[in-house]
Amino acid sequence: MDPDSTPVVVVMGVQGCGKSTLGSLLAGALGVPFVDGDDLHPQRNRTLMAAGTPLSDDDRLPWLAAVGQRLADGGAGVVVACSALKRAYRDLLRDMAPDVVFVHPYGSKDLVAARISLREHEYMPPSLLDSQYATLEHLDAAEAGITLDLASPPLELVSSAAAFITGSRVRAHQQG
C-alpha cells in the first residue's frame, strides 16, 4: 500500500456498535468522504430486516458487491460503514479493493443492546442483535485492521483508528 495513497476503510461490526458515528468522524479526520453502507442495501434486504429476519449470505451478496464497488471507486479515499461480519464478506470486499483497512469497534452484547435500546433504526430491530453476534467472525492477524474497545469515547476511537490507518500505510510502503 502506498503511504501517499488515500485511505480506503471499512468500519465494521454488529448493529449498534457505532459504525456510522465512528465512520463519519473518521472520514472527517482523514479528509475523505463517508458512506453509510445501510444506504446501499437493496429494498428486499431492508424489508427482511424490518420483519426481524436475519439476512442469509445470498441476501448479503448484492449489498456487499455494492459496498465493494464503492470502495473500489474510492480513488480519493473513502470510509464506509458496513457490518462485514464474516471473513468471507471481508475477503469479497478485499477482492474489489485490495488496500482496504478494517476498523472494528467491539464490545459486549450487553453494552451494544443498551445502546440499541436508546435509538430507532429504519429497519434494524434489536431482535437481530443475537444473530449478528452469532455470525460475527473477528478480524484475524492476516487481515489489515484493528479492533477497538467501543466502550471508549468516540474521539478516542477515531484517534486510535486514524493512527493505525496512517501507520499501516507507512508500514506497507516500507515493506514494499
Protein backbone atom coordinates (compact mmCIF):
# COMPACT_ATOMS: atom_id res chain seq x y z
CA MET A 1 0.00 0.00 0.00
CA ASP A 2 1.38 3.40 -0.98
CA PRO A 3 1.63 5.76 2.02
CA ASP A 4 0.76 8.66 -0.29
CA SER A 5 -2.47 6.99 -1.39
CA THR A 6 -5.72 7.90 0.23
CA PRO A 7 -7.22 5.51 2.75
CA VAL A 8 -9.96 3.04 1.88
CA VAL A 9 -11.57 1.98 5.15
CA VAL A 10 -14.48 -0.16 6.32
CA VAL A 11 -15.80 0.41 9.83
CA MET A 12 -17.30 -3.00 10.59
CA GLY A 13 -19.26 -4.71 13.33
CA VAL A 14 -22.68 -5.58 14.65
CA GLN A 15 -25.58 -3.17 14.67
CA GLY A 16 -25.36 -0.52 17.36
CA CYS A 17 -21.57 -0.68 17.75
CA GLY A 18 -21.16 2.83 16.39
CA LYS A 19 -20.13 2.13 12.79
CA SER A 20 -21.87 5.19 11.36
CA THR A 21 -20.80 7.57 14.11
CA LEU A 22 -17.21 6.39 14.12
CA GLY A 23 -17.12 6.18 10.32
CA SER A 24 -18.35 9.72 9.87
CA LEU A 25 -15.90 11.11 12.42
CA LEU A 26 -13.03 9.05 10.99
CA ALA A 27 -13.78 10.21 7.45
CA GLY A 28 -13.65 13.80 8.68
CA ALA A 29 -10.33 13.18 10.42
CA LEU A 30 -8.88 11.56 7.28
CA GLY A 31 -10.36 14.15 4.91
CA VAL A 32 -12.28 11.63 2.81
CA PRO A 33 -15.99 11.02 2.10
CA PHE A 34 -18.15 8.84 4.34
CA VAL A 35 -20.69 6.34 3.00
CA ASP A 36 -23.18 4.59 5.25
CA GLY A 37 -23.43 1.04 3.92
CA ASP A 38 -27.03 0.90 5.13
CA ASP A 39 -27.87 3.23 2.24
CA LEU A 40 -26.59 0.62 -0.22
CA HIS A 41 -28.92 -2.20 0.90
CA PRO A 42 -31.48 -3.27 -1.68
CA GLN A 43 -35.09 -2.77 -0.63
CA ARG A 44 -35.60 -6.54 -0.27
CA ASN A 45 -32.91 -6.67 2.44
CA ARG A 46 -34.46 -3.72 4.26
CA THR A 47 -37.84 -5.42 4.19
CA LEU A 48 -36.42 -8.70 5.52
CA MET A 49 -34.55 -6.99 8.36
CA ALA A 50 -37.52 -4.78 9.26
CA ALA A 51 -39.53 -8.01 9.68
CA GLY A 52 -36.84 -9.34 12.04
CA THR A 53 -35.46 -11.83 9.52
CA PRO A 54 -31.67 -12.18 9.56
CA LEU A 55 -30.07 -11.92 6.12
CA SER A 56 -28.58 -15.02 4.54
CA ASP A 57 -25.26 -14.99 2.72
CA ASP A 58 -27.19 -14.92 -0.58
CA ASP A 59 -29.20 -11.92 0.64
CA ARG A 60 -26.00 -10.08 1.52
CA LEU A 61 -24.13 -10.66 -1.77
CA PRO A 62 -25.72 -7.85 -3.85
CA TRP A 63 -25.20 -5.45 -0.94
CA LEU A 64 -21.58 -6.50 -0.42
CA ALA A 65 -20.99 -6.08 -4.16
CA ALA A 66 -22.35 -2.52 -3.94
CA VAL A 67 -20.14 -1.79 -0.92
CA GLY A 68 -17.12 -3.31 -2.67
CA GLN A 69 -17.79 -1.23 -5.76
CA ARG A 70 -17.97 1.93 -3.66
CA LEU A 71 -14.64 1.00 -2.04
CA ALA A 72 -13.08 0.26 -5.44
CA ASP A 73 -14.32 3.63 -6.70
CA GLY A 74 -12.81 5.35 -3.65
CA GLY A 75 -9.82 6.73 -5.55
CA ALA A 76 -9.90 9.88 -3.45
CA GLY A 77 -10.29 7.75 -0.32
CA VAL A 78 -13.44 6.70 1.44
CA VAL A 79 -14.72 5.37 4.75
CA VAL A 80 -17.69 3.00 4.53
CA ALA A 81 -19.74 1.70 7.45
CA CYS A 82 -20.52 -1.94 6.66
CA SER A 83 -21.10 -4.81 9.07
CA ALA A 84 -18.67 -7.14 7.20
CA LEU A 85 -19.35 -9.72 9.91
CA LYS A 86 -17.71 -12.76 8.25
CA ARG A 87 -14.20 -13.21 6.94
CA ALA A 88 -15.70 -14.30 3.59
CA TYR A 89 -17.53 -10.95 3.34
CA ARG A 90 -14.30 -9.08 4.06
CA ASP A 91 -12.47 -11.24 1.52
CA LEU A 92 -15.03 -10.25 -1.11
CA LEU A 93 -14.50 -6.57 -0.23
CA ARG A 94 -10.72 -7.06 -0.37
CA ASP A 95 -11.04 -8.68 -3.80
CA MET A 96 -12.63 -5.46 -5.04
CA ALA A 97 -10.47 -3.05 -3.01
CA PRO A 98 -7.18 -4.76 -2.08
CA ASP A 99 -5.91 -1.90 0.11
CA VAL A 100 -8.99 -1.76 2.35
CA VAL A 101 -8.33 -1.46 6.08
CA PHE A 102 -10.94 -2.65 8.59
CA VAL A 103 -11.77 -0.84 11.83
CA HIS A 104 -13.84 -2.93 14.24
CA PRO A 105 -15.39 -1.22 17.27
CA TYR A 106 -16.24 -4.18 19.51
CA GLY A 107 -17.87 -4.60 22.87
CA SER A 108 -20.11 -6.87 24.88
CA LYS A 109 -23.58 -7.77 23.69
CA ASP A 110 -24.99 -6.13 26.85
CA LEU A 111 -23.29 -2.80 26.04
CA VAL A 112 -24.48 -2.86 22.43
CA ALA A 113 -28.01 -3.87 23.47
CA ALA A 114 -28.12 -0.91 25.87
CA ARG A 115 -27.07 1.41 23.05
CA ILE A 116 -29.65 -0.04 20.66
CA SER A 117 -32.38 0.50 23.25
CA LEU A 118 -31.67 4.24 23.03
CA ARG A 119 -32.09 4.56 19.29
CA GLU A 120 -34.51 3.87 16.49
CA HIS A 121 -33.34 2.39 13.23
CA GLU A 122 -35.30 2.43 9.99
CA TYR A 123 -35.19 -1.34 9.52
CA MET A 124 -32.80 -2.94 12.04
CA PRO A 125 -34.79 -4.17 15.06
CA PRO A 126 -32.98 -5.05 18.31
CA SER A 127 -34.13 -8.66 17.85
CA LEU A 128 -31.44 -9.14 15.18
CA LEU A 129 -28.55 -8.48 17.58
CA ASP A 130 -28.23 -12.14 18.67
CA SER A 131 -27.96 -13.31 15.05
CA GLN A 132 -25.32 -10.67 14.34
CA TYR A 133 -23.15 -11.78 17.26
CA ALA A 134 -23.63 -15.41 16.17
CA THR A 135 -22.47 -14.51 12.65
CA LEU A 136 -19.54 -12.28 13.70
CA GLU A 137 -16.07 -13.57 12.88
CA HIS A 138 -13.41 -11.35 14.44
CA LEU A 139 -10.54 -9.94 12.42
CA ASP A 140 -7.57 -12.26 12.36
CA ALA A 141 -3.86 -11.46 12.20
CA ALA A 142 -3.76 -11.86 8.41
CA GLU A 143 -6.32 -9.09 7.89
CA ALA A 144 -5.37 -5.42 7.67
CA GLY A 145 -7.37 -4.00 10.52
CA ILE A 146 -7.73 -3.02 14.13
CA THR A 147 -10.26 -3.91 16.83
CA LEU A 148 -11.14 -1.11 19.23
CA ASP A 149 -12.94 -1.17 22.58
CA LEU A 150 -16.24 0.50 21.79
CA ALA A 151 -16.64 1.48 25.44
CA SER A 152 -14.00 4.16 24.77
CA PRO A 153 -15.17 7.69 23.85
CA PRO A 154 -15.77 8.21 20.11
CA LEU A 155 -12.96 10.74 19.66
CA GLU A 156 -10.51 8.33 21.30
CA LEU A 157 -11.64 5.61 18.89
CA VAL A 158 -11.17 7.98 15.94
CA SER A 159 -7.70 8.92 17.13
CA SER A 160 -6.68 5.26 17.54
CA ALA A 161 -8.16 4.27 14.18
CA ALA A 162 -6.55 7.18 12.31
CA ALA A 163 -3.17 6.44 13.87
CA PHE A 164 -3.46 2.77 12.91
CA ILE A 165 -4.52 3.57 9.34
CA THR A 166 -1.74 6.09 8.86
CA GLY A 167 0.79 3.70 10.41
CA SER A 168 -0.37 0.71 8.36
CA ARG A 169 0.00 2.71 5.16
CA VAL A 170 3.56 3.65 6.10
CA ARG A 171 4.46 0.08 7.19
CA ALA A 172 3.14 -1.37 3.94
CA HIS A 173 5.21 1.11 1.93
CA GLN A 174 8.33 0.31 3.93
CA GLN A 175 7.82 -3.42 3.38
CA GLY A 176 7.12 -2.97 -0.37
